[in-house]
Amino acid sequence: NEDDEAAVAAIAGRKVSAAKRHGKQLWLEFDEGATALLVHLGMTGSCVVRGQAAPTYQSFSVDESAWPPKHTKLELELSDGGRIAYCDPRRFGRLKLRGADAARVPPLSQLAPDALTALPTAEAIRAALSTKRAPIKAVLLDQAAVVAGVGNWVADEVLYVAKIHPAAPADSLDAAQRAALRDALRHVCETACAANADARRFPADWLFHHRWAKQTTGSISTPIGRVKFDTVGGRTTAFLPAVQRRGGVGAAAA
């Protein structure tokens, strides 16, 4: 269609000058930033380089039986013969073209600081949470609220490590809980990235290893305790009621 043709014309023959990331948003800049191709992977998107192993995921796999891989939506052919494919079986991801200064216009301009590279100060987190009554899980998933880059399982892991109940109102967290939240954000993001998102290398005591029971309600017994499943902020949520607390330090478990 015309949109596809316009997209091809905008990047064909251009030189890639930078590859960047902010939160969940990836982008390539062409010709020193004159044009940018934004990539959001959604829930099942992936970028695959021909000749290299595809990224591995907990809940789905990339079909590499042929090239380009199945469900490819965009393939880039490089001047050295390299090929990069963007694949997305469920089509929740997004590709967008932007002109110069892409970071200054939506969606990039709307993002909160990056959770890994620009973690907000304790005061910035206090200020951000003080005006939000929504459940802390929902606030963490809001890419414009406190930090960008936190998805569903990361939010659950952060709150488990910080010992905070996912349904606790964001503005109800006291100073100790906010400090624990900030420490947990750094720990989970840095640990997952150091492991290259290979779940086999995640700490054995992480909630991650027990949250894929395909349950939306109820609970299961695990080596780290009883894991309960519920919907918080519109997303399936796993947590340990015996460990994670609402309100302030010492509040009763929910």
C-alpha atoms as a PDB file:
ATOM      1  CA  ASN A   1       0.000   0.000   0.000  1.00  0.00           C
ATOM      2  CA  GLU A   2       1.006   3.669  -0.150  1.00  0.00           C
ATOM      3  CA  ASP A   3       2.133   3.758   3.490  1.00  0.00           C
ATOM      4  CA  ASP A   4       4.437   0.787   2.952  1.00  0.00           C
ATOM      5  CA  GLU A   5       5.866   2.341  -0.192  1.00  0.00           C
ATOM      6  CA  ALA A   6       6.485   5.618   1.642  1.00  0.00           C
ATOM      7  CA  ALA A   7       8.258   3.794   4.457  1.00  0.00           C
ATOM      8  CA  VAL A   8      10.512   1.939   2.037  1.00  0.00           C
ATOM      9  CA  ALA A   9      11.322   5.157   0.211  1.00  0.00           C
ATOM     10  CA  ALA A  10      12.196   6.899   3.486  1.00  0.00           C
ATOM     11  CA  ILE A  11      14.910   4.411   4.481  1.00  0.00           C
ATOM     12  CA  ALA A  12      16.035   2.701   1.244  1.00  0.00           C
ATOM     13  CA  GLY A  13      19.669   3.504   0.485  1.00  0.00           C
ATOM     14  CA  ARG A  14      20.137   5.390   3.745  1.00  0.00           C
ATOM     15  CA  LYS A  15      23.103   4.887   6.061  1.00  0.00           C
ATOM     16  CA  VAL A  16      22.397   3.670   9.592  1.00  0.00           C
ATOM     17  CA  SER A  17      24.132   6.149  11.861  1.00  0.00           C
ATOM     18  CA  ALA A  18      22.921   4.998  15.294  1.00  0.00           C
ATOM     19  CA  ALA A  19      20.925   2.310  17.089  1.00  0.00           C
ATOM     20  CA  LYS A  20      19.208   3.497  20.265  1.00  0.00           C
ATOM     21  CA  ARG A  21      16.784   2.403  22.978  1.00  0.00           C
ATOM     22  CA  HIS A  22      14.641   4.129  25.602  1.00  0.00           C
ATOM     23  CA  GLY A  23      12.428   1.918  27.713  1.00  0.00           C
ATOM     24  CA  LYS A  24      10.719  -0.556  25.396  1.00  0.00           C
ATOM     25  CA  GLN A  25      11.211   1.662  22.373  1.00  0.00           C
ATOM     26  CA  LEU A  26      14.023   0.821  19.944  1.00  0.00           C
ATOM     27  CA  TRP A  27      15.016   2.896  16.965  1.00  0.00           C
ATOM     28  CA  LEU A  28      17.487   3.196  14.138  1.00  0.00           C
ATOM     29  CA  GLU A  29      18.660   6.613  13.012  1.00  0.00           C
ATOM     30  CA  PHE A  30      19.592   7.148   9.384  1.00  0.00           C
ATOM     31  CA  ASP A  31      21.882   9.799   7.867  1.00  0.00           C
ATOM     32  CA  GLU A  32      22.915  11.332  11.201  1.00  0.00           C
ATOM     33  CA  GLY A  33      19.384  11.447  12.542  1.00  0.00           C
ATOM     34  CA  ALA A  34      17.555  12.849   9.513  1.00  0.00           C
ATOM     35  CA  THR A  35      15.162   9.873   9.647  1.00  0.00           C
ATOM     36  CA  ALA A  36      14.357   7.368  12.396  1.00  0.00           C
ATOM     37  CA  LEU A  37      12.668   3.965  12.276  1.00  0.00           C
ATOM     38  CA  LEU A  38      11.014   3.207  15.626  1.00  0.00           C
ATOM     39  CA  VAL A  39      10.404  -0.390  16.685  1.00  0.00           C
ATOM     40  CA  HIS A  40       8.195  -1.452  19.603  1.00  0.00           C
ATOM     41  CA  LEU A  41       8.191  -5.221  20.064  1.00  0.00           C
ATOM     42  CA  GLY A  42       4.839  -5.453  21.827  1.00  0.00           C
ATOM     43  CA  MET A  43       4.245  -8.840  23.465  1.00  0.00           C
ATOM     44  CA  THR A  44       5.600 -11.175  20.774  1.00  0.00           C
ATOM     45  CA  GLY A  45       7.815  -9.067  18.518  1.00  0.00           C
ATOM     46  CA  SER A  46      11.489  -9.799  17.890  1.00  0.00           C
ATOM     47  CA  CYS A  47      14.375  -8.606  15.740  1.00  0.00           C
ATOM     48  CA  VAL A  48      16.241 -11.479  14.121  1.00  0.00           C
ATOM     49  CA  VAL A  49      19.629 -11.287  12.373  1.00  0.00           C
ATOM     50  CA  ARG A  50      20.190 -13.850   9.633  1.00  0.00           C
ATOM     51  CA  GLY A  51      22.921 -16.271  10.595  1.00  0.00           C
ATOM     52  CA  GLN A  52      22.578 -15.614  14.312  1.00  0.00           C
ATOM     53  CA  ALA A  53      20.417 -17.418  16.850  1.00  0.00           C
ATOM     54  CA  ALA A  54      17.055 -15.752  17.353  1.00  0.00           C
ATOM     55  CA  PRO A  55      16.221 -14.287  20.763  1.00  0.00           C
ATOM     56  CA  THR A  56      14.606 -16.760  23.137  1.00  0.00           C
ATOM     57  CA  TYR A  57      11.424 -16.023  25.065  1.00  0.00           C
ATOM     58  CA  GLN A  58       9.574 -17.675  27.918  1.00  0.00           C
ATOM     59  CA  SER A  59       6.120 -17.857  26.326  1.00  0.00           C
ATOM     60  CA  PHE A  60       6.793 -18.148  22.573  1.00  0.00           C
ATOM     61  CA  SER A  61       9.532 -18.944  20.073  1.00  0.00           C
ATOM     62  CA  VAL A  62      10.659 -17.514  16.749  1.00  0.00           C
ATOM     63  CA  ASP A  63      10.114 -19.858  13.784  1.00  0.00           C
ATOM     64  CA  GLU A  64      13.551 -20.025  12.138  1.00  0.00           C
ATOM     65  CA  SER A  65      12.772 -22.878   9.751  1.00  0.00           C
ATOM     66  CA  ALA A  66      13.104 -20.511   6.770  1.00  0.00           C
ATOM     67  CA  TRP A  67      14.335 -17.026   5.949  1.00  0.00           C
ATOM     68  CA  PRO A  68      12.783 -14.603   6.421  1.00  0.00           C
ATOM     69  CA  PRO A  69      11.288 -16.122   9.583  1.00  0.00           C
ATOM     70  CA  LYS A  70       7.566 -16.734   9.796  1.00  0.00           C
ATOM     71  CA  HIS A  71       5.472 -13.656  10.686  1.00  0.00           C
ATOM     72  CA  THR A  72       8.102 -11.243   9.347  1.00  0.00           C
ATOM     73  CA  LYS A  73       6.612  -7.758   8.954  1.00  0.00           C
ATOM     74  CA  LEU A  74       9.769  -5.941   7.832  1.00  0.00           C
ATOM     75  CA  GLU A  75      13.084  -7.139   6.431  1.00  0.00           C
ATOM     76  CA  LEU A  76      16.111  -4.877   6.097  1.00  0.00           C
ATOM     77  CA  GLU A  77      18.843  -5.805   3.604  1.00  0.00           C
ATOM     78  CA  LEU A  78      22.193  -4.216   4.398  1.00  0.00           C
ATOM     79  CA  SER A  79      24.901  -3.279   1.914  1.00  0.00           C
ATOM     80  CA  ASP A  80      27.242  -5.976   3.282  1.00  0.00           C
ATOM     81  CA  GLY A  81      24.647  -8.669   2.639  1.00  0.00           C
ATOM     82  CA  GLY A  82      23.361  -8.835   6.196  1.00  0.00           C
ATOM     83  CA  ARG A  83      19.638  -9.234   6.806  1.00  0.00           C
ATOM     84  CA  ILE A  84      17.516  -8.154   9.771  1.00  0.00           C
ATOM     85  CA  ALA A  85      13.884  -9.218  10.128  1.00  0.00           C
ATOM     86  CA  TYR A  86      11.218  -7.825  12.427  1.00  0.00           C
ATOM     87  CA  CYS A  87       8.777 -10.639  13.291  1.00  0.00           C
ATOM     88  CA  ASP A  88       5.538 -10.423  15.258  1.00  0.00           C
ATOM     89  CA  PRO A  89       2.989 -13.270  15.244  1.00  0.00           C
ATOM     90  CA  ARG A  90       0.368 -11.464  17.352  1.00  0.00           C
ATOM     91  CA  ARG A  91       0.863  -8.025  15.778  1.00  0.00           C
ATOM     92  CA  PHE A  92       0.922  -6.085  19.035  1.00  0.00           C
ATOM     93  CA  GLY A  93       4.196  -4.424  18.075  1.00  0.00           C
ATOM     94  CA  ARG A  94       4.529  -1.164  16.174  1.00  0.00           C
ATOM     95  CA  LEU A  95       6.808   0.286  13.492  1.00  0.00           C
ATOM     96  CA  LYS A  96       6.861   4.071  13.103  1.00  0.00           C
ATOM     97  CA  LEU A  97       8.805   6.529  10.985  1.00  0.00           C
ATOM     98  CA  ARG A  98       9.950   9.837  12.405  1.00  0.00           C
ATOM     99  CA  GLY A  99      12.039  12.678  11.038  1.00  0.00           C
ATOM    100  CA  ALA A 100      14.861  14.599  12.660  1.00  0.00           C
ATOM    101  CA  ASP A 101      14.877  14.921  16.465  1.00  0.00           C
ATOM    102  CA  ALA A 102      12.711  11.829  16.934  1.00  0.00           C
ATOM    103  CA  ALA A 103      13.310  11.924  20.690  1.00  0.00           C
ATOM    104  CA  ARG A 104      11.555  15.289  20.916  1.00  0.00           C
ATOM    105  CA  VAL A 105       8.206  14.120  19.535  1.00  0.00           C
ATOM    106  CA  PRO A 106       5.780  11.327  20.563  1.00  0.00           C
ATOM    107  CA  PRO A 107       6.061   8.551  21.382  1.00  0.00           C
ATOM    108  CA  LEU A 108       9.648   9.046  22.587  1.00  0.00           C
ATOM    109  CA  SER A 109       9.018  12.456  24.134  1.00  0.00           C
ATOM    110  CA  GLN A 110       6.232  11.014  26.295  1.00  0.00           C
ATOM    111  CA  LEU A 111       8.376   8.385  28.006  1.00  0.00           C
ATOM    112  CA  ALA A 112       9.483   8.561  31.635  1.00  0.00           C
ATOM    113  CA  PRO A 113      13.216   8.126  32.413  1.00  0.00           C
ATOM    114  CA  ASP A 114      14.699   4.792  31.399  1.00  0.00           C
ATOM    115  CA  ALA A 115      14.610   2.245  34.232  1.00  0.00           C
ATOM    116  CA  LEU A 116      18.073   0.889  33.428  1.00  0.00           C
ATOM    117  CA  THR A 117      20.125   3.865  32.283  1.00  0.00           C
ATOM    118  CA  ALA A 118      18.427   6.829  33.977  1.00  0.00           C
ATOM    119  CA  LEU A 119      16.802   5.523  37.148  1.00  0.00           C
ATOM    120  CA  PRO A 120      15.074   8.488  38.869  1.00  0.00           C
ATOM    121  CA  THR A 121      16.304   9.755  42.217  1.00  0.00           C
ATOM    122  CA  ALA A 122      14.477   8.879  45.411  1.00  0.00           C
ATOM    123  CA  GLU A 123      12.936  12.349  45.456  1.00  0.00           C
ATOM    124  CA  ALA A 124      11.764  12.071  41.859  1.00  0.00           C
ATOM    125  CA  ILE A 125      10.106   8.746  42.625  1.00  0.00           C
ATOM    126  CA  ARG A 126       8.432  10.215  45.713  1.00  0.00           C
ATOM    127  CA  ALA A 127       7.085  13.123  43.684  1.00  0.00           C
ATOM    128  CA  ALA A 128       5.855  10.868  40.884  1.00  0.00           C
ATOM    129  CA  LEU A 129       4.057   8.463  43.222  1.00  0.00           C
ATOM    130  CA  SER A 130       2.564  11.158  45.455  1.00  0.00           C
ATOM    131  CA  THR A 131      -0.046  12.118  42.842  1.00  0.00           C
ATOM    132  CA  LYS A 132      -1.025   8.597  41.783  1.00  0.00           C
ATOM    133  CA  ARG A 133      -3.747   6.652  43.567  1.00  0.00           C
ATOM    134  CA  ALA A 134      -3.693   3.737  41.123  1.00  0.00           C
ATOM    135  CA  PRO A 135      -2.201   0.372  42.163  1.00  0.00           C
ATOM    136  CA  ILE A 136       1.582   0.485  42.169  1.00  0.00           C
ATOM    137  CA  LYS A 137       1.654  -2.358  39.607  1.00  0.00           C
ATOM    138  CA  ALA A 138      -0.396  -0.257  37.169  1.00  0.00           C
ATOM    139  CA  VAL A 139       1.843   2.762  37.754  1.00  0.00           C
ATOM    140  CA  LEU A 140       4.976   0.745  36.994  1.00  0.00           C
ATOM    141  CA  LEU A 141       3.420  -0.438  33.733  1.00  0.00           C
ATOM    142  CA  ASP A 142       2.572   3.133  32.702  1.00  0.00           C
ATOM    143  CA  GLN A 143       5.579   4.061  30.569  1.00  0.00           C
ATOM    144  CA  ALA A 144       5.029   7.772  31.161  1.00  0.00           C
ATOM    145  CA  ALA A 145       4.549   7.660  34.940  1.00  0.00           C
ATOM    146  CA  VAL A 146       7.749   6.812  36.839  1.00  0.00           C
ATOM    147  CA  VAL A 147      10.091   4.795  34.620  1.00  0.00           C
ATOM    148  CA  ALA A 148      10.019   3.433  31.075  1.00  0.00           C
ATOM    149  CA  GLY A 149      10.938  -0.133  30.202  1.00  0.00           C
ATOM    150  CA  VAL A 150       9.074  -2.116  32.865  1.00  0.00           C
ATOM    151  CA  GLY A 151       6.766  -4.801  31.488  1.00  0.00           C
ATOM    152  CA  ASN A 152       4.455  -7.261  33.186  1.00  0.00           C
ATOM    153  CA  TRP A 153       6.862  -9.864  34.543  1.00  0.00           C
ATOM    154  CA  VAL A 154       9.457  -7.236  35.459  1.00  0.00           C
ATOM    155  CA  ALA A 155       6.846  -5.300  37.463  1.00  0.00           C
ATOM    156  CA  ASP A 156       5.889  -8.469  39.337  1.00  0.00           C
ATOM    157  CA  GLU A 157       9.537  -9.288  40.060  1.00  0.00           C
ATOM    158  CA  VAL A 158      10.339  -5.755  41.218  1.00  0.00           C
ATOM    159  CA  LEU A 159       7.389  -5.709  43.611  1.00  0.00           C
ATOM    160  CA  TYR A 160       8.256  -9.173  44.925  1.00  0.00           C
ATOM    161  CA  VAL A 161      11.876  -8.173  45.565  1.00  0.00           C
ATOM    162  CA  ALA A 162      10.701  -4.930  47.205  1.00  0.00           C
ATOM    163  CA  LYS A 163       8.071  -6.832  49.247  1.00  0.00           C
ATOM    164  CA  ILE A 164       5.278  -4.518  48.079  1.00  0.00           C
ATOM    165  CA  HIS A 165       1.749  -5.709  47.302  1.00  0.00           C
ATOM    166  CA  PRO A 166       0.932  -5.017  43.625  1.00  0.00           C
ATOM    167  CA  ALA A 167      -2.498  -3.562  44.504  1.00  0.00           C
ATOM    168  CA  ALA A 168      -1.130  -1.072  47.055  1.00  0.00           C
ATOM    169  CA  PRO A 169      -2.069   2.492  46.037  1.00  0.00           C
ATOM    170  CA  ALA A 170       1.053   4.146  44.674  1.00  0.00           C
ATOM    171  CA  ASP A 171       0.663   7.186  46.908  1.00  0.00           C
ATOM    172  CA  SER A 172       0.415   5.003  50.034  1.00  0.00           C
ATOM    173  CA  LEU A 173       4.010   3.767  49.924  1.00  0.00           C
ATOM    174  CA  ASP A 174       6.156   5.134  52.721  1.00  0.00           C
ATOM    175  CA  ALA A 175       9.799   6.202  52.436  1.00  0.00           C
ATOM    176  CA  ALA A 176      11.169   2.739  53.209  1.00  0.00           C
ATOM    177  CA  GLN A 177       8.953   1.124  50.590  1.00  0.00           C
ATOM    178  CA  ARG A 178       9.882   3.711  47.980  1.00  0.00           C
ATOM    179  CA  ALA A 179      13.564   3.094  48.692  1.00  0.00           C
ATOM    180  CA  ALA A 180      13.020  -0.649  48.403  1.00  0.00           C
ATOM    181  CA  LEU A 181      11.153  -0.102  45.117  1.00  0.00           C
ATOM    182  CA  ARG A 182      14.015   1.931  43.667  1.00  0.00           C
ATOM    183  CA  ASP A 183      16.612  -0.638  44.761  1.00  0.00           C
ATOM    184  CA  ALA A 184      14.503  -3.456  43.302  1.00  0.00           C
ATOM    185  CA  LEU A 185      14.111  -1.647  39.972  1.00  0.00           C
ATOM    186  CA  ARG A 186      17.875  -1.349  39.664  1.00  0.00           C
ATOM    187  CA  HIS A 187      18.537  -4.909  40.831  1.00  0.00           C
ATOM    188  CA  VAL A 188      15.998  -6.640  38.574  1.00  0.00           C
ATOM    189  CA  CYS A 189      16.820  -4.626  35.450  1.00  0.00           C
ATOM    190  CA  GLU A 190      20.596  -4.928  35.855  1.00  0.00           C
ATOM    191  CA  THR A 191      20.420  -8.634  36.708  1.00  0.00           C
ATOM    192  CA  ALA A 192      18.150  -9.496  33.773  1.00  0.00           C
ATOM    193  CA  CYS A 193      20.320  -7.542  31.338  1.00  0.00           C
ATOM    194  CA  ALA A 194      23.540  -9.062  32.693  1.00  0.00           C
ATOM    195  CA  ALA A 195      21.991 -12.472  31.987  1.00  0.00           C
ATOM    196  CA  ASN A 196      21.024 -11.308  28.468  1.00  0.00           C
ATOM    197  CA  ALA A 197      17.419 -12.115  29.460  1.00  0.00           C
ATOM    198  CA  ASP A 198      18.314 -15.818  29.657  1.00  0.00           C
ATOM    199  CA  ALA A 199      15.913 -17.090  32.330  1.00  0.00           C
ATOM    200  CA  ARG A 200      18.214 -20.029  33.077  1.00  0.00           C
ATOM    201  CA  ARG A 201      20.693 -17.505  34.499  1.00  0.00           C
ATOM    202  CA  PHE A 202      18.186 -15.622  36.658  1.00  0.00           C
ATOM    203  CA  PRO A 203      18.510 -16.016  40.438  1.00  0.00           C
ATOM    204  CA  ALA A 204      16.907 -19.242  41.653  1.00  0.00           C
ATOM    205  CA  ASP A 205      14.825 -17.388  44.229  1.00  0.00           C
ATOM    206  CA  TRP A 206      13.135 -15.088  41.704  1.00  0.00           C
ATOM    207  CA  LEU A 207       9.360 -15.138  41.321  1.00  0.00           C
ATOM    208  CA  PHE A 208       9.917 -15.344  37.556  1.00  0.00           C
ATOM    209  CA  HIS A 209      10.442 -19.113  37.691  1.00  0.00           C
ATOM    210  CA  HIS A 210       6.979 -19.702  39.184  1.00  0.00           C
ATOM    211  CA  ARG A 211       4.718 -17.150  37.462  1.00  0.00           C
ATOM    212  CA  TRP A 212       4.085 -19.032  34.191  1.00  0.00           C
ATOM    213  CA  ALA A 213       1.398 -21.397  35.502  1.00  0.00           C
ATOM    214  CA  LYS A 214      -1.162 -20.128  32.944  1.00  0.00           C
ATOM    215  CA  GLN A 215      -3.461 -19.056  35.772  1.00  0.00           C
ATOM    216  CA  THR A 216      -5.317 -15.779  36.144  1.00  0.00           C
ATOM    217  CA  THR A 217      -6.816 -16.599  39.535  1.00  0.00           C
ATOM    218  CA  GLY A 218      -6.138 -18.961  42.413  1.00  0.00           C
ATOM    219  CA  SER A 219      -2.744 -19.859  43.836  1.00  0.00           C
ATOM    220  CA  ILE A 220      -0.019 -22.490  43.655  1.00  0.00           C
ATOM    221  CA  SER A 221       2.550 -23.824  46.096  1.00  0.00           C
ATOM    222  CA  THR A 222       6.179 -23.128  45.112  1.00  0.00           C
ATOM    223  CA  PRO A 223       9.614 -23.411  46.767  1.00  0.00           C
ATOM    224  CA  ILE A 224       9.552 -19.665  47.515  1.00  0.00           C
ATOM    225  CA  GLY A 225       6.056 -19.736  49.027  1.00  0.00           C
ATOM    226  CA  ARG A 226       2.440 -19.692  47.895  1.00  0.00           C
ATOM    227  CA  VAL A 227       2.077 -17.643  44.703  1.00  0.00           C
ATOM    228  CA  LYS A 228      -1.305 -16.025  44.119  1.00  0.00           C
ATOM    229  CA  PHE A 229      -2.655 -14.915  40.742  1.00  0.00           C
ATOM    230  CA  ASP A 230      -4.986 -11.979  40.215  1.00  0.00           C
ATOM    231  CA  THR A 231      -5.648  -9.152  37.768  1.00  0.00           C
ATOM    232  CA  VAL A 232      -4.086  -5.817  38.733  1.00  0.00           C
ATOM    233  CA  GLY A 233      -3.892  -2.853  36.394  1.00  0.00           C
ATOM    234  CA  GLY A 234      -5.578  -4.925  33.707  1.00  0.00           C
ATOM    235  CA  ARG A 235      -2.790  -7.522  33.633  1.00  0.00           C
ATOM    236  CA  THR A 236      -2.384 -10.984  35.111  1.00  0.00           C
ATOM    237  CA  THR A 237      -0.289 -10.558  38.239  1.00  0.00           C
ATOM    238  CA  ALA A 238       1.669 -13.022  40.360  1.00  0.00           C
ATOM    239  CA  PHE A 239       2.625 -12.215  43.949  1.00  0.00           C
ATOM    240  CA  LEU A 240       3.185 -13.722  47.385  1.00  0.00           C
ATOM    241  CA  PRO A 241       0.594 -12.427  49.887  1.00  0.00           C
ATOM    242  CA  ALA A 242       2.675 -13.700  52.803  1.00  0.00           C
ATOM    243  CA  VAL A 243       5.623 -11.548  51.743  1.00  0.00           C
ATOM    244  CA  GLN A 244       4.276  -8.508  49.917  1.00  0.00           C
ATOM    245  CA  ARG A 245       2.615  -5.791  51.985  1.00  0.00           C
ATOM    246  CA  ARG A 246       0.242  -2.928  51.407  1.00  0.00           C
ATOM    247  CA  GLY A 247       0.546   0.584  52.839  1.00  0.00           C
ATOM    248  CA  GLY A 248       3.519   1.171  55.103  1.00  0.00           C
ATOM    249  CA  VAL A 249       6.165  -1.118  56.522  1.00  0.00           C
ATOM    250  CA  GLY A 250       4.606  -3.630  58.874  1.00  0.00           C
ATOM    251  CA  ALA A 251       1.109  -3.429  57.374  1.00  0.00           C
ATOM    252  CA  ALA A 252      -0.809  -6.680  57.275  1.00  0.00           C
ATOM    253  CA  ALA A 253      -0.462  -8.880  54.217  1.00  0.00           C
ATOM    254  CA  ALA A 254      -3.456  -8.904  51.872  1.00  0.00           C
END
